[in-house]
Amino acid sequence: MSGKTDAEAQTLTPAEVETPEAPSPALARLPLSIARSDLFSVAQRGEYKTNVVLNTAKRGVNAVIVYRGPHLNMEHFRAWQAIMFIAERNNALGGQPFCASAAEILRYMGKSPEDKAQKKLLWSLMLDLKGTAIEIQSNGISWVDSLLGPFRKNQRTKQLIIRLGNNIDTELVDREVLRNDVNRVGELGRYYLAIWLHGFISSQSSRPDKKPTKHIFEVDELRRMCGTRVKERRHFVQELEKALNRLKETDRKLVVEWGWCGDDTKKVWVQKTHTLVKMLTESPEAAKVREHAEKAKAGLPHKKRFRPQNEINAPRGLVM
């Protein structure tokens, strides 16, 4: 016998207590070009767009986005992100049909899954997503499709049967991509600028050792890209402060710390936690174009190319 009483035998030492592992976050694959653009705007309402070239990051995204369709806000974004996550989980990013309940989609949006008003709103959001036409040109790829394909509701099971655009997995989300934390976005409620910033900040590069990284952003660039309707710059700065503080307060915080660069509010620095981002290396052709553009902007002369003698002696034009 060990000599322990029943009460002592039931008391575990700290070393004997198993700490439960934290649940893995739900991660949706999103193209960097979308995370760093105003395709999904922080403005709740807007006009129908016809073949508009969207605002994207001036640096860090080698992509052009042309869009036609209804104004898309952060509620559209959360619905699309939830559907993308469920589609990937069902191996249906290649255009295959898959089933999902409205309650499941709403849950990943951070909404009440049994709210009838929210289910009605979700149907409206999905109709808008189906009515889009988007073209993304990046690194030799031109992807043209709608953000959401055909969908219907099975009246017997009440399940939604959904299709995404064809080849979205091979031509869009296998390239420069962010794995966005769906649950953390769901915690942000109606802080629309915080939701947009979550994707934008998460899409920035991370350290291999998973330690926090510091990035600096121009405030006017953030204002341009997020699609805000706030007219006064000082008001946007106030909203930016609230949004960044909100990103520090979530259960699994994205922003560790932030502050202004210098005495004004022209630039802001943000220290973020580790996020999963895949960034393609720059192709030699793109690097040459960028180098020539930078030299031209700086007023530097291009280095004269050496021409071999056989090229110099080669005939030009029509020889009679």
Foldseek 3Di string as FASTA:
>chain_A
DPPDDPVRVVDDDPVPDDDDDDDDFQWFKDALFVLFFQQAAQDPADAFDDQDFTDGFPPDFQKIKTKGFGHHYVLLVLLLRLVRSVCVVVVAQQFDKDKDAQLSSQVLLLHHSPDPVSSVVSVVSQVRQQGMWMWMDGPNATDIHGSWHDWDADPVVRIIIGTGDHPCVPRPRVAWIFTARSVQLSVLPSLRLLSSVSSNVLQDDADPVQAWDKDKDFLVSSVRGNNDPDDDSVVSVVSVVVSLVSQCPTPPHFWVDKDADPDDNGMIMTTGTHTDTHHDDDDPVRVVVVVVVVCVVVVHDDDDDDDDPCVVPDDDDDDD
